[in-house]
Amino acid sequence: MVKPSLRTKSIGTKVTEEEYAELERTAQTGGKTLGEWCREVMLASVNGHGTTSQPSGGLEAQALMAELVALRTIMLNVLFKQANGESVTAEQMQKLIERADADKLKKAMERLRHGAKPAED
């Protein structure tokens, strides 16, 4: 019978209260302790694999969702102005694009996390 390898090394890092809470929520969503989840994510990253317990999906999903969120923001703003009989100048359009791009990743991550949570009864 082969003995399993013992884990004898540890890795530590400092995070803010908010980051810790976010990491802990993500681990709990996957039904894991924070330590288990961190180990799984780090090893998956090193081995070039995604992890199914990571609700944010892969980098591709994050990038795609960020672009969709930005596009949605821009379209809703333009359509709202047009519905009120207003036109959008080139300068206003550029500001809309810049504002949508500024927070698209944060909003995308929130949406991906929200979509990965189990439905509450």
PDB file of N, CA and C in Angstrom:
ATOM      1  N   MET A   1       0.840  -1.183   0.000  1.00  0.00           N
ATOM      2  CA  MET A   1       0.000   0.000   0.000  1.00  0.00           C
ATOM      3  C   MET A   1       0.889   1.253   0.000  1.00  0.00           C
ATOM      4  N   VAL A   2       0.586   2.202  -0.873  1.00  0.00           N
ATOM      5  CA  VAL A   2       1.381   3.425  -1.019  1.00  0.00           C
ATOM      6  C   VAL A   2       0.863   4.478  -0.054  1.00  0.00           C
ATOM      7  N   LYS A   3       1.798   5.051   0.719  1.00  0.00           N
ATOM      8  CA  LYS A   3       1.425   6.123   1.640  1.00  0.00           C
ATOM      9  C   LYS A   3       1.217   7.415   0.865  1.00  0.00           C
ATOM     10  N   PRO A   4       0.152   8.170   1.175  1.00  0.00           N
ATOM     11  CA  PRO A   4      -0.036   9.471   0.512  1.00  0.00           C
ATOM     12  C   PRO A   4       1.040  10.449   0.979  1.00  0.00           C
ATOM     13  N   SER A   5       1.402  11.359   0.101  1.00  0.00           N
ATOM     14  CA  SER A   5       2.386  12.389   0.444  1.00  0.00           C
ATOM     15  C   SER A   5       1.817  13.320   1.493  1.00  0.00           C
ATOM     16  N   LEU A   6       2.637  13.655   2.469  1.00  0.00           N
ATOM     17  CA  LEU A   6       2.209  14.606   3.489  1.00  0.00           C
ATOM     18  C   LEU A   6       2.506  16.022   3.019  1.00  0.00           C
ATOM     19  N   ARG A   7       1.612  16.910   3.327  1.00  0.00           N
ATOM     20  CA  ARG A   7       1.826  18.319   3.010  1.00  0.00           C
ATOM     21  C   ARG A   7       2.588  18.927   4.179  1.00  0.00           C
ATOM     22  N   THR A   8       3.815  19.312   3.932  1.00  0.00           N
ATOM     23  CA  THR A   8       4.650  19.840   5.012  1.00  0.00           C
ATOM     24  C   THR A   8       5.075  21.284   4.798  1.00  0.00           C
ATOM     25  N   LYS A   9       4.784  21.854   3.654  1.00  0.00           N
ATOM     26  CA  LYS A   9       5.162  23.234   3.337  1.00  0.00           C
ATOM     27  C   LYS A   9       3.919  24.109   3.329  1.00  0.00           C
ATOM     28  N   SER A  10       4.099  25.376   3.677  1.00  0.00           N
ATOM     29  CA  SER A  10       2.955  26.293   3.631  1.00  0.00           C
ATOM     30  C   SER A  10       3.336  27.557   2.882  1.00  0.00           C
ATOM     31  N   ILE A  11       2.310  28.220   2.386  1.00  0.00           N
ATOM     32  CA  ILE A  11       2.464  29.480   1.653  1.00  0.00           C
ATOM     33  C   ILE A  11       1.538  30.491   2.311  1.00  0.00           C
ATOM     34  N   GLY A  12       2.014  31.699   2.505  1.00  0.00           N
ATOM     35  CA  GLY A  12       1.185  32.730   3.128  1.00  0.00           C
ATOM     36  C   GLY A  12       1.180  34.002   2.310  1.00  0.00           C
ATOM     37  N   THR A  13       0.121  34.782   2.468  1.00  0.00           N
ATOM     38  CA  THR A  13       0.027  36.073   1.804  1.00  0.00           C
ATOM     39  C   THR A  13      -0.877  36.977   2.631  1.00  0.00           C
ATOM     40  N   LYS A  14      -0.731  38.258   2.453  1.00  0.00           N
ATOM     41  CA  LYS A  14      -1.562  39.236   3.157  1.00  0.00           C
ATOM     42  C   LYS A  14      -2.638  39.744   2.200  1.00  0.00           C
ATOM     43  N   VAL A  15      -3.844  39.901   2.730  1.00  0.00           N
ATOM     44  CA  VAL A  15      -4.958  40.444   1.957  1.00  0.00           C
ATOM     45  C   VAL A  15      -5.725  41.425   2.841  1.00  0.00           C
ATOM     46  N   THR A  16      -6.531  42.259   2.201  1.00  0.00           N
ATOM     47  CA  THR A  16      -7.369  43.189   2.953  1.00  0.00           C
ATOM     48  C   THR A  16      -8.566  42.426   3.520  1.00  0.00           C
ATOM     49  N   GLU A  17      -9.293  43.063   4.427  1.00  0.00           N
ATOM     50  CA  GLU A  17     -10.505  42.459   4.987  1.00  0.00           C
ATOM     51  C   GLU A  17     -11.497  42.113   3.876  1.00  0.00           C
ATOM     52  N   GLU A  18     -11.651  43.049   2.917  1.00  0.00           N
ATOM     53  CA  GLU A  18     -12.593  42.839   1.826  1.00  0.00           C
ATOM     54  C   GLU A  18     -12.154  41.682   0.935  1.00  0.00           C
ATOM     55  N   GLU A  19     -10.856  41.626   0.631  1.00  0.00           N
ATOM     56  CA  GLU A  19     -10.343  40.528  -0.199  1.00  0.00           C
ATOM     57  C   GLU A  19     -10.527  39.191   0.509  1.00  0.00           C
ATOM     58  N   TYR A  20     -10.259  39.175   1.817  1.00  0.00           N
ATOM     59  CA  TYR A  20     -10.417  37.938   2.582  1.00  0.00           C
ATOM     60  C   TYR A  20     -11.865  37.459   2.535  1.00  0.00           C
ATOM     61  N   ALA A  21     -12.785  38.389   2.749  1.00  0.00           N
ATOM     62  CA  ALA A  21     -14.214  38.033   2.727  1.00  0.00           C
ATOM     63  C   ALA A  21     -14.615  37.495   1.358  1.00  0.00           C
ATOM     64  N   GLU A  22     -14.111  38.118   0.300  1.00  0.00           N
ATOM     65  CA  GLU A  22     -14.423  37.672  -1.058  1.00  0.00           C
ATOM     66  C   GLU A  22     -13.858  36.273  -1.314  1.00  0.00           C
ATOM     67  N   LEU A  23     -12.623  36.042  -0.889  1.00  0.00           N
ATOM     68  CA  LEU A  23     -12.006  34.720  -1.058  1.00  0.00           C
ATOM     69  C   LEU A  23     -12.781  33.667  -0.266  1.00  0.00           C
ATOM     70  N   GLU A  24     -13.157  34.012   0.935  1.00  0.00           N
ATOM     71  CA  GLU A  24     -13.887  33.074   1.781  1.00  0.00           C
ATOM     72  C   GLU A  24     -15.256  32.725   1.182  1.00  0.00           C
ATOM     73  N   ARG A  25     -15.966  33.744   0.673  1.00  0.00           N
ATOM     74  CA  ARG A  25     -17.271  33.498   0.025  1.00  0.00           C
ATOM     75  C   ARG A  25     -17.113  32.563  -1.168  1.00  0.00           C
ATOM     76  N   THR A  26     -16.075  32.822  -1.964  1.00  0.00           N
ATOM     77  CA  THR A  26     -15.836  32.008  -3.153  1.00  0.00           C
ATOM     78  C   THR A  26     -15.552  30.564  -2.767  1.00  0.00           C
ATOM     79  N   ALA A  27     -14.750  30.361  -1.743  1.00  0.00           N
ATOM     80  CA  ALA A  27     -14.441  29.003  -1.281  1.00  0.00           C
ATOM     81  C   ALA A  27     -15.698  28.317  -0.775  1.00  0.00           C
ATOM     82  N   GLN A  28     -16.506  29.028   0.002  1.00  0.00           N
ATOM     83  CA  GLN A  28     -17.734  28.452   0.544  1.00  0.00           C
ATOM     84  C   GLN A  28     -18.711  28.082  -0.565  1.00  0.00           C
ATOM     85  N   THR A  29     -18.750  28.901  -1.617  1.00  0.00           N
ATOM     86  CA  THR A  29     -19.624  28.606  -2.753  1.00  0.00           C
ATOM     87  C   THR A  29     -19.266  27.249  -3.360  1.00  0.00           C
ATOM     88  N   GLY A  30     -17.974  26.933  -3.370  1.00  0.00           N
ATOM     89  CA  GLY A  30     -17.511  25.644  -3.890  1.00  0.00           C
ATOM     90  C   GLY A  30     -17.552  24.534  -2.860  1.00  0.00           C
ATOM     91  N   GLY A  31     -18.029  24.821  -1.645  1.00  0.00           N
ATOM     92  CA  GLY A  31     -18.118  23.812  -0.602  1.00  0.00           C
ATOM     93  C   GLY A  31     -16.762  23.412  -0.039  1.00  0.00           C
ATOM     94  N   LYS A  32     -15.822  24.338  -0.052  1.00  0.00           N
ATOM     95  CA  LYS A  32     -14.465  24.046   0.416  1.00  0.00           C
ATOM     96  C   LYS A  32     -14.066  25.023   1.509  1.00  0.00           C
ATOM     97  N   THR A  33     -13.060  24.614   2.283  1.00  0.00           N
ATOM     98  CA  THR A  33     -12.473  25.567   3.219  1.00  0.00           C
ATOM     99  C   THR A  33     -11.625  26.534   2.401  1.00  0.00           C
ATOM    100  N   LEU A  34     -11.271  27.658   3.006  1.00  0.00           N
ATOM    101  CA  LEU A  34     -10.462  28.640   2.291  1.00  0.00           C
ATOM    102  C   LEU A  34      -9.110  28.045   1.907  1.00  0.00           C
ATOM    103  N   GLY A  35      -8.494  27.296   2.813  1.00  0.00           N
ATOM    104  CA  GLY A  35      -7.201  26.675   2.524  1.00  0.00           C
ATOM    105  C   GLY A  35      -7.278  25.675   1.378  1.00  0.00           C
ATOM    106  N   GLU A  36      -8.315  24.833   1.383  1.00  0.00           N
ATOM    107  CA  GLU A  36      -8.485  23.852   0.303  1.00  0.00           C
ATOM    108  C   GLU A  36      -8.674  24.553  -1.035  1.00  0.00           C
ATOM    109  N   TRP A  37      -9.520  25.572  -1.015  1.00  0.00           N
ATOM    110  CA  TRP A  37      -9.812  26.283  -2.253  1.00  0.00           C
ATOM    111  C   TRP A  37      -8.555  26.967  -2.799  1.00  0.00           C
ATOM    112  N   CYS A  38      -7.807  27.640  -1.918  1.00  0.00           N
ATOM    113  CA  CYS A  38      -6.583  28.324  -2.350  1.00  0.00           C
ATOM    114  C   CYS A  38      -5.585  27.334  -2.937  1.00  0.00           C
ATOM    115  N   ARG A  39      -5.388  26.197  -2.263  1.00  0.00           N
ATOM    116  CA  ARG A  39      -4.451  25.181  -2.760  1.00  0.00           C
ATOM    117  C   ARG A  39      -4.893  24.698  -4.141  1.00  0.00           C
ATOM    118  N   GLU A  40      -6.185  24.421  -4.288  1.00  0.00           N
ATOM    119  CA  GLU A  40      -6.716  23.942  -5.564  1.00  0.00           C
ATOM    120  C   GLU A  40      -6.511  24.963  -6.684  1.00  0.00           C
ATOM    121  N   VAL A  41      -6.792  26.224  -6.400  1.00  0.00           N
ATOM    122  CA  VAL A  41      -6.645  27.278  -7.405  1.00  0.00           C
ATOM    123  C   VAL A  41      -5.177  27.476  -7.782  1.00  0.00           C
ATOM    124  N   MET A  42      -4.301  27.492  -6.790  1.00  0.00           N
ATOM    125  CA  MET A  42      -2.871  27.683  -7.078  1.00  0.00           C
ATOM    126  C   MET A  42      -2.318  26.526  -7.904  1.00  0.00           C
ATOM    127  N   LEU A  43      -2.632  25.307  -7.515  1.00  0.00           N
ATOM    128  CA  LEU A  43      -2.120  24.155  -8.260  1.00  0.00           C
ATOM    129  C   LEU A  43      -2.718  24.088  -9.659  1.00  0.00           C
ATOM    130  N   ALA A  44      -3.986  24.430  -9.794  1.00  0.00           N
ATOM    131  CA  ALA A  44      -4.606  24.446 -11.126  1.00  0.00           C
ATOM    132  C   ALA A  44      -3.944  25.495 -12.006  1.00  0.00           C
ATOM    133  N   SER A  45      -3.588  26.626 -11.422  1.00  0.00           N
ATOM    134  CA  SER A  45      -2.926  27.684 -12.181  1.00  0.00           C
ATOM    135  C   SER A  45      -1.546  27.233 -12.653  1.00  0.00           C
ATOM    136  N   VAL A  46      -0.806  26.604 -11.779  1.00  0.00           N
ATOM    137  CA  VAL A  46       0.528  26.119 -12.125  1.00  0.00           C
ATOM    138  C   VAL A  46       0.456  25.042 -13.208  1.00  0.00           C
ATOM    139  N   ASN A  47      -0.550  24.189 -13.119  1.00  0.00           N
ATOM    140  CA  ASN A  47      -0.687  23.083 -14.068  1.00  0.00           C
ATOM    141  C   ASN A  47      -1.422  23.479 -15.344  1.00  0.00           C
ATOM    142  N   GLY A  48      -1.833  24.739 -15.440  1.00  0.00           N
ATOM    143  CA  GLY A  48      -2.497  25.225 -16.643  1.00  0.00           C
ATOM    144  C   GLY A  48      -3.931  24.759 -16.784  1.00  0.00           C
ATOM    145  N   HIS A  49      -4.553  24.408 -15.669  1.00  0.00           N
ATOM    146  CA  HIS A  49      -5.947  23.966 -15.698  1.00  0.00           C
ATOM    147  C   HIS A  49      -6.823  24.967 -14.969  1.00  0.00           C
ATOM    148  N   GLY A  50      -8.064  25.069 -15.416  1.00  0.00           N
ATOM    149  CA  GLY A  50      -9.034  25.847 -14.661  1.00  0.00           C
ATOM    150  C   GLY A  50      -9.532  24.980 -13.535  1.00  0.00           C
ATOM    151  N   THR A  51     -10.331  25.552 -12.660  1.00  0.00           N
ATOM    152  CA  THR A  51     -10.919  24.767 -11.587  1.00  0.00           C
ATOM    153  C   THR A  51     -12.408  24.983 -11.560  1.00  0.00           C
ATOM    154  N   THR A  52     -13.154  23.924 -11.389  1.00  0.00           N
ATOM    155  CA  THR A  52     -14.608  24.030 -11.429  1.00  0.00           C
ATOM    156  C   THR A  52     -15.174  24.725 -10.209  1.00  0.00           C
ATOM    157  N   SER A  53     -14.403  24.790  -9.120  1.00  0.00           N
ATOM    158  CA  SER A  53     -14.921  25.461  -7.933  1.00  0.00           C
ATOM    159  C   SER A  53     -14.702  26.960  -7.989  1.00  0.00           C
ATOM    160  N   GLN A  54     -14.160  27.451  -9.068  1.00  0.00           N
ATOM    161  CA  GLN A  54     -13.903  28.882  -9.235  1.00  0.00           C
ATOM    162  C   GLN A  54     -15.074  29.472 -10.010  1.00  0.00           C
ATOM    163  N   PRO A  55     -16.005  30.148  -9.325  1.00  0.00           N
ATOM    164  CA  PRO A  55     -17.213  30.614  -9.979  1.00  0.00           C
ATOM    165  C   PRO A  55     -16.981  31.650 -11.058  1.00  0.00           C
ATOM    166  N   SER A  56     -15.861  32.298 -11.039  1.00  0.00           N
ATOM    167  CA  SER A  56     -15.630  33.336 -12.032  1.00  0.00           C
ATOM    168  C   SER A  56     -15.271  32.760 -13.393  1.00  0.00           C
ATOM    169  N   GLY A  57     -15.163  31.438 -13.493  1.00  0.00           N
ATOM    170  CA  GLY A  57     -14.803  30.811 -14.754  1.00  0.00           C
ATOM    171  C   GLY A  57     -13.359  31.108 -15.089  1.00  0.00           C
ATOM    172  N   GLY A  58     -12.974  30.825 -16.299  1.00  0.00           N
ATOM    173  CA  GLY A  58     -11.616  31.091 -16.734  1.00  0.00           C
ATOM    174  C   GLY A  58     -11.436  32.537 -17.126  1.00  0.00           C
ATOM    175  N   LEU A  59     -10.230  32.849 -17.500  1.00  0.00           N
ATOM    176  CA  LEU A  59      -9.932  34.222 -17.932  1.00  0.00           C
ATOM    177  C   LEU A  59     -10.740  34.593 -19.168  1.00  0.00           C
ATOM    178  N   GLU A  60     -10.982  33.609 -20.026  1.00  0.00           N
ATOM    179  CA  GLU A  60     -11.767  33.879 -21.233  1.00  0.00           C
ATOM    180  C   GLU A  60     -13.188  34.293 -20.871  1.00  0.00           C
ATOM    181  N   ALA A  61     -13.782  33.592 -19.907  1.00  0.00           N
ATOM    182  CA  ALA A  61     -15.135  33.926 -19.474  1.00  0.00           C
ATOM    183  C   ALA A  61     -15.174  35.313 -18.851  1.00  0.00           C
ATOM    184  N   GLN A  62     -14.152  35.646 -18.074  1.00  0.00           N
ATOM    185  CA  GLN A  62     -14.096  36.959 -17.444  1.00  0.00           C
ATOM    186  C   GLN A  62     -13.986  38.060 -18.500  1.00  0.00           C
ATOM    187  N   ALA A  63     -13.119  37.845 -19.482  1.00  0.00           N
ATOM    188  CA  ALA A  63     -12.934  38.854 -20.531  1.00  0.00           C
ATOM    189  C   ALA A  63     -14.211  39.022 -21.353  1.00  0.00           C
ATOM    190  N   LEU A  64     -14.835  37.911 -21.700  1.00  0.00           N
ATOM    191  CA  LEU A  64     -16.063  37.970 -22.490  1.00  0.00           C
ATOM    192  C   LEU A  64     -17.178  38.667 -21.720  1.00  0.00           C
ATOM    193  N   MET A  65     -17.334  38.302 -20.451  1.00  0.00           N
ATOM    194  CA  MET A  65     -18.373  38.932 -19.640  1.00  0.00           C
ATOM    195  C   MET A  65     -18.086  40.422 -19.476  1.00  0.00           C
ATOM    196  N   ALA A  66     -16.823  40.805 -19.322  1.00  0.00           N
ATOM    197  CA  ALA A  66     -16.471  42.225 -19.173  1.00  0.00           C
ATOM    198  C   ALA A  66     -16.876  43.007 -20.418  1.00  0.00           C
ATOM    199  N   GLU A  67     -16.600  42.445 -21.588  1.00  0.00           N
ATOM    200  CA  GLU A  67     -16.976  43.124 -22.831  1.00  0.00           C
ATOM    201  C   GLU A  67     -18.489  43.204 -22.982  1.00  0.00           C
ATOM    202  N   LEU A  68     -19.198  42.148 -22.608  1.00  0.00           N
ATOM    203  CA  LEU A  68     -20.662  42.171 -22.684  1.00  0.00           C
ATOM    204  C   LEU A  68     -21.257  43.206 -21.735  1.00  0.00           C
ATOM    205  N   VAL A  69     -20.709  43.301 -20.536  1.00  0.00           N
ATOM    206  CA  VAL A  69     -21.183  44.284 -19.561  1.00  0.00           C
ATOM    207  C   VAL A  69     -20.950  45.700 -20.083  1.00  0.00           C
ATOM    208  N   ALA A  70     -19.768  45.940 -20.664  1.00  0.00           N
ATOM    209  CA  ALA A  70     -19.465  47.269 -21.198  1.00  0.00           C
ATOM    210  C   ALA A  70     -20.397  47.604 -22.365  1.00  0.00           C
ATOM    211  N   LEU A  71     -20.586  46.642 -23.252  1.00  0.00           N
ATOM    212  CA  LEU A  71     -21.476  46.858 -24.397  1.00  0.00           C
ATOM    213  C   LEU A  71     -22.901  47.141 -23.938  1.00  0.00           C
ATOM    214  N   ARG A  72     -23.369  46.405 -22.956  1.00  0.00           N
ATOM    215  CA  ARG A  72     -24.718  46.607 -22.410  1.00  0.00           C
ATOM    216  C   ARG A  72     -24.851  48.011 -21.831  1.00  0.00           C
ATOM    217  N   THR A  73     -23.845  48.439 -21.084  1.00  0.00           N
ATOM    218  CA  THR A  73     -23.867  49.776 -20.489  1.00  0.00           C
ATOM    219  C   THR A  73     -23.964  50.855 -21.563  1.00  0.00           C
ATOM    220  N   ILE A  74     -23.155  50.722 -22.590  1.00  0.00           N
ATOM    221  CA  ILE A  74     -23.144  51.710 -23.670  1.00  0.00           C
ATOM    222  C   ILE A  74     -24.480  51.707 -24.403  1.00  0.00           C
ATOM    223  N   MET A  75     -24.956  50.520 -24.767  1.00  0.00           N
ATOM    224  CA  MET A  75     -26.215  50.419 -25.524  1.00  0.00           C
ATOM    225  C   MET A  75     -27.401  50.978 -24.744  1.00  0.00           C
ATOM    226  N   LEU A  76     -27.495  50.652 -23.469  1.00  0.00           N
ATOM    227  CA  LEU A  76     -28.611  51.152 -22.669  1.00  0.00           C
ATOM    228  C   LEU A  76     -28.587  52.668 -22.559  1.00  0.00           C
ATOM    229  N   ASN A  77     -27.408  53.229 -22.392  1.00  0.00           N
ATOM    230  CA  ASN A  77     -27.299  54.685 -22.308  1.00  0.00           C
ATOM    231  C   ASN A  77     -27.682  55.360 -23.621  1.00  0.00           C
ATOM    232  N   VAL A  78     -27.198  54.811 -24.739  1.00  0.00           N
ATOM    233  CA  VAL A  78     -27.517  55.384 -26.049  1.00  0.00           C
ATOM    234  C   VAL A  78     -29.008  55.245 -26.342  1.00  0.00           C
ATOM    235  N   LEU A  79     -29.571  54.071 -26.109  1.00  0.00           N
ATOM    236  CA  LEU A  79     -30.995  53.856 -26.370  1.00  0.00           C
ATOM    237  C   LEU A  79     -31.874  54.739 -25.491  1.00  0.00           C
ATOM    238  N   PHE A  80     -31.479  54.937 -24.244  1.00  0.00           N
ATOM    239  CA  PHE A  80     -32.244  55.801 -23.352  1.00  0.00           C
ATOM    240  C   PHE A  80     -32.266  57.226 -23.881  1.00  0.00           C
ATOM    241  N   LYS A  81     -31.117  57.719 -24.316  1.00  0.00           N
ATOM    242  CA  LYS A  81     -31.057  59.082 -24.865  1.00  0.00           C
ATOM    243  C   LYS A  81     -31.929  59.198 -26.115  1.00  0.00           C
ATOM    244  N   GLN A  82     -31.830  58.210 -27.002  1.00  0.00           N
ATOM    245  CA  GLN A  82     -32.612  58.237 -28.236  1.00  0.00           C
ATOM    246  C   GLN A  82     -34.105  58.154 -27.956  1.00  0.00           C
ATOM    247  N   ALA A  83     -34.489  57.363 -26.959  1.00  0.00           N
ATOM    248  CA  ALA A  83     -35.904  57.240 -26.607  1.00  0.00           C
ATOM    249  C   ALA A  83     -36.461  58.559 -26.086  1.00  0.00           C
ATOM    250  N   ASN A  84     -35.585  59.395 -25.540  1.00  0.00           N
ATOM    251  CA  ASN A  84     -36.005  60.707 -25.047  1.00  0.00           C
ATOM    252  C   ASN A  84     -35.798  61.806 -26.082  1.00  0.00           C
ATOM    253  N   GLY A  85     -35.560  61.407 -27.331  1.00  0.00           N
ATOM    254  CA  GLY A  85     -35.425  62.366 -28.412  1.00  0.00           C
ATOM    255  C   GLY A  85     -34.092  63.082 -28.469  1.00  0.00           C
ATOM    256  N   GLU A  86     -33.115  62.609 -27.742  1.00  0.00           N
ATOM    257  CA  GLU A  86     -31.795  63.234 -27.733  1.00  0.00           C
ATOM    258  C   GLU A  86     -30.869  62.490 -28.693  1.00  0.00           C
ATOM    259  N   SER A  87     -29.854  63.206 -29.157  1.00  0.00           N
ATOM    260  CA  SER A  87     -28.828  62.543 -29.963  1.00  0.00           C
ATOM    261  C   SER A  87     -27.550  62.470 -29.132  1.00  0.00           C
ATOM    262  N   VAL A  88     -26.641  61.619 -29.538  1.00  0.00           N
ATOM    263  CA  VAL A  88     -25.394  61.427 -28.807  1.00  0.00           C
ATOM    264  C   VAL A  88     -24.254  61.996 -29.643  1.00  0.00           C
ATOM    265  N   THR A  89     -23.525  62.931 -29.067  1.00  0.00           N
ATOM    266  CA  THR A  89     -22.387  63.513 -29.771  1.00  0.00           C
ATOM    267  C   THR A  89     -21.195  62.556 -29.675  1.00  0.00           C
ATOM    268  N   ALA A  90     -20.202  62.795 -30.504  1.00  0.00           N
ATOM    269  CA  ALA A  90     -18.990  61.970 -30.481  1.00  0.00           C
ATOM    270  C   ALA A  90     -18.313  62.068 -29.113  1.00  0.00           C
ATOM    271  N   GLU A  91     -18.301  63.249 -28.534  1.00  0.00           N
ATOM    272  CA  GLU A  91     -17.686  63.439 -27.217  1.00  0.00           C
ATOM    273  C   GLU A  91     -18.450  62.667 -26.135  1.00  0.00           C
ATOM    274  N   GLN A  92     -19.796  62.723 -26.179  1.00  0.00           N
ATOM    275  CA  GLN A  92     -20.598  61.976 -25.210  1.00  0.00           C
ATOM    276  C   GLN A  92     -20.386  60.468 -25.369  1.00  0.00           C
ATOM    277  N   MET A  93     -20.288  60.024 -26.612  1.00  0.00           N
ATOM    278  CA  MET A  93     -20.065  58.607 -26.875  1.00  0.00           C
ATOM    279  C   MET A  93     -18.725  58.161 -26.316  1.00  0.00           C
ATOM    280  N   GLN A  94     -17.695  58.967 -26.502  1.00  0.00           N
ATOM    281  CA  GLN A  94     -16.369  58.631 -25.974  1.00  0.00           C
ATOM    282  C   GLN A  94     -16.406  58.536 -24.456  1.00  0.00           C
ATOM    283  N   LYS A  95     -17.120  59.451 -23.798  1.00  0.00           N
ATOM    284  CA  LYS A  95     -17.247  59.411 -22.339  1.00  0.00           C
ATOM    285  C   LYS A  95     -17.986  58.154 -21.886  1.00  0.00           C
ATOM    286  N   LEU A  96     -19.036  57.782 -22.633  1.00  0.00           N
ATOM    287  CA  LEU A  96     -19.768  56.549 -22.311  1.00  0.00           C
ATOM    288  C   LEU A  96     -18.858  55.330 -22.399  1.00  0.00           C
ATOM    289  N   ILE A  97     -18.060  55.280 -23.443  1.00  0.00           N
ATOM    290  CA  ILE A  97     -17.139  54.160 -23.643  1.00  0.00           C
ATOM    291  C   ILE A  97     -16.117  54.105 -22.519  1.00  0.00           C
ATOM    292  N   GLU A  98     -15.543  55.254 -22.184  1.00  0.00           N
ATOM    293  CA  GLU A  98     -14.535  55.300 -21.121  1.00  0.00           C
ATOM    294  C   GLU A  98     -15.134  54.877 -19.781  1.00  0.00           C
ATOM    295  N   ARG A  99     -16.345  55.337 -19.489  1.00  0.00           N
ATOM    296  CA  ARG A  99     -16.992  54.980 -18.225  1.00  0.00           C
ATOM    297  C   ARG A  99     -17.320  53.489 -18.188  1.00  0.00           C
ATOM    298  N   ALA A 100     -17.797  52.950 -19.302  1.00  0.00           N
ATOM    299  CA  ALA A 100     -18.119  51.520 -19.362  1.00  0.00           C
ATOM    300  C   ALA A 100     -16.856  50.674 -19.211  1.00  0.00           C
ATOM    301  N   ASP A 101     -15.770  51.100 -19.843  1.00  0.00           N
ATOM    302  CA  ASP A 101     -14.511  50.356 -19.756  1.00  0.00           C
ATOM    303  C   ASP A 101     -13.897  50.421 -18.359  1.00  0.00           C
ATOM    304  N   ALA A 102     -14.127  51.513 -17.654  1.00  0.00           N
ATOM    305  CA  ALA A 102     -13.482  51.716 -16.361  1.00  0.00           C
ATOM    306  C   ALA A 102     -13.891  50.684 -15.323  1.00  0.00           C
ATOM    307  N   ASP A 103     -15.146  50.262 -15.344  1.00  0.00           N
ATOM    308  CA  ASP A 103     -15.588  49.323 -14.304  1.00  0.00           C
ATOM    309  C   ASP A 103     -16.148  48.019 -14.862  1.00  0.00           C
ATOM    310  N   LYS A 104     -15.843  47.715 -16.114  1.00  0.00           N
ATOM    311  CA  LYS A 104     -16.414  46.520 -16.728  1.00  0.00           C
ATOM    312  C   LYS A 104     -15.937  45.226 -16.077  1.00  0.00           C
ATOM    313  N   LEU A 105     -14.675  45.140 -15.693  1.00  0.00           N
ATOM    314  CA  LEU A 105     -14.172  43.900 -15.099  1.00  0.00           C
ATOM    315  C   LEU A 105     -14.794  43.664 -13.725  1.00  0.00           C
ATOM    316  N   LYS A 106     -14.903  44.717 -12.922  1.00  0.00           N
ATOM    317  CA  LYS A 106     -15.508  44.582 -11.599  1.00  0.00           C
ATOM    318  C   LYS A 106     -16.961  44.111 -11.721  1.00  0.00           C
ATOM    319  N   LYS A 107     -17.710  44.739 -12.606  1.00  0.00           N
ATOM    320  CA  LYS A 107     -19.109  44.357 -12.803  1.00  0.00           C
ATOM    321  C   LYS A 107     -19.222  42.941 -13.353  1.00  0.00           C
ATOM    322  N   ALA A 108     -18.324  42.571 -14.258  1.00  0.00           N
ATOM    323  CA  ALA A 108     -18.339  41.225 -14.833  1.00  0.00           C
ATOM    324  C   ALA A 108     -18.095  40.181 -13.752  1.00  0.00           C
ATOM    325  N   MET A 109     -17.127  40.429 -12.885  1.00  0.00           N
ATOM    326  CA  MET A 109     -16.828  39.485 -11.810  1.00  0.00           C
ATOM    327  C   MET A 109     -18.019  39.342 -10.869  1.00  0.00           C
ATOM    328  N   GLU A 110     -18.695  40.441 -10.574  1.00  0.00           N
ATOM    329  CA  GLU A 110     -19.881  40.382  -9.713  1.00  0.00           C
ATOM    330  C   GLU A 110     -20.956  39.513 -10.357  1.00  0.00           C
ATOM    331  N   ARG A 111     -21.163  39.704 -11.655  1.00  0.00           N
ATOM    332  CA  ARG A 111     -22.181  38.916 -12.362  1.00  0.00           C
ATOM    333  C   ARG A 111     -21.812  37.439 -12.439  1.00  0.00           C
ATOM    334  N   LEU A 112     -20.538  37.153 -12.681  1.00  0.00           N
ATOM    335  CA  LEU A 112     -20.099  35.767 -12.740  1.00  0.00           C
ATOM    336  C   LEU A 112     -20.225  35.100 -11.375  1.00  0.00           C
ATOM    337  N   ARG A 113     -19.863  35.819 -10.310  1.00  0.00           N
ATOM    338  CA  ARG A 113     -20.008  35.271  -8.958  1.00  0.00           C
ATOM    339  C   ARG A 113     -21.468  35.039  -8.630  1.00  0.00           C
ATOM    340  N   HIS A 114     -22.305  36.006  -8.985  1.00  0.00           N
ATOM    341  CA  HIS A 114     -23.736  35.898  -8.698  1.00  0.00           C
ATOM    342  C   HIS A 114     -24.337  34.700  -9.433  1.00  0.00           C
ATOM    343  N   GLY A 115     -23.923  34.500 -10.669  1.00  0.00           N
ATOM    344  CA  GLY A 115     -24.430  33.378 -11.460  1.00  0.00           C
ATOM    345  C   GLY A 115     -23.951  32.032 -10.977  1.00  0.00           C
ATOM    346  N   ALA A 116     -22.838  31.988 -10.240  1.00  0.00           N
ATOM    347  CA  ALA A 116     -22.285  30.728  -9.753  1.00  0.00           C
ATOM    348  C   ALA A 116     -22.849  30.314  -8.409  1.00  0.00           C
ATOM    349  N   LYS A 117     -23.550  31.229  -7.724  1.00  0.00           N
ATOM    350  CA  LYS A 117     -24.098  30.904  -6.414  1.00  0.00           C
ATOM    351  C   LYS A 117     -25.330  30.017  -6.576  1.00  0.00           C
ATOM    352  N   PRO A 118     -25.501  29.060  -5.669  1.00  0.00           N
ATOM    353  CA  PRO A 118     -26.696  28.224  -5.727  1.00  0.00           C
ATOM    354  C   PRO A 118     -27.939  29.059  -5.448  1.00  0.00           C
ATOM    355  N   ALA A 119     -29.025  28.701  -6.085  1.00  0.00           N
ATOM    356  CA  ALA A 119     -30.280  29.439  -5.895  1.00  0.00           C
ATOM    357  C   ALA A 119     -30.763  29.272  -4.459  1.00  0.00           C
ATOM    358  N   GLU A 120     -31.233  30.370  -3.882  1.00  0.00           N
ATOM    359  CA  GLU A 120     -31.749  30.329  -2.517  1.00  0.00           C
ATOM    360  C   GLU A 120     -33.229  30.053  -2.552  1.00  0.00           C
ATOM    361  N   ASP A 121     -33.707  29.265  -1.595  1.00  0.00           N
ATOM    362  CA  ASP A 121     -35.143  28.925  -1.541  1.00  0.00           C
ATOM    363  C   ASP A 121     -35.944  30.013  -0.901  1.00  0.00           C
TER     364      ASP A 121
END
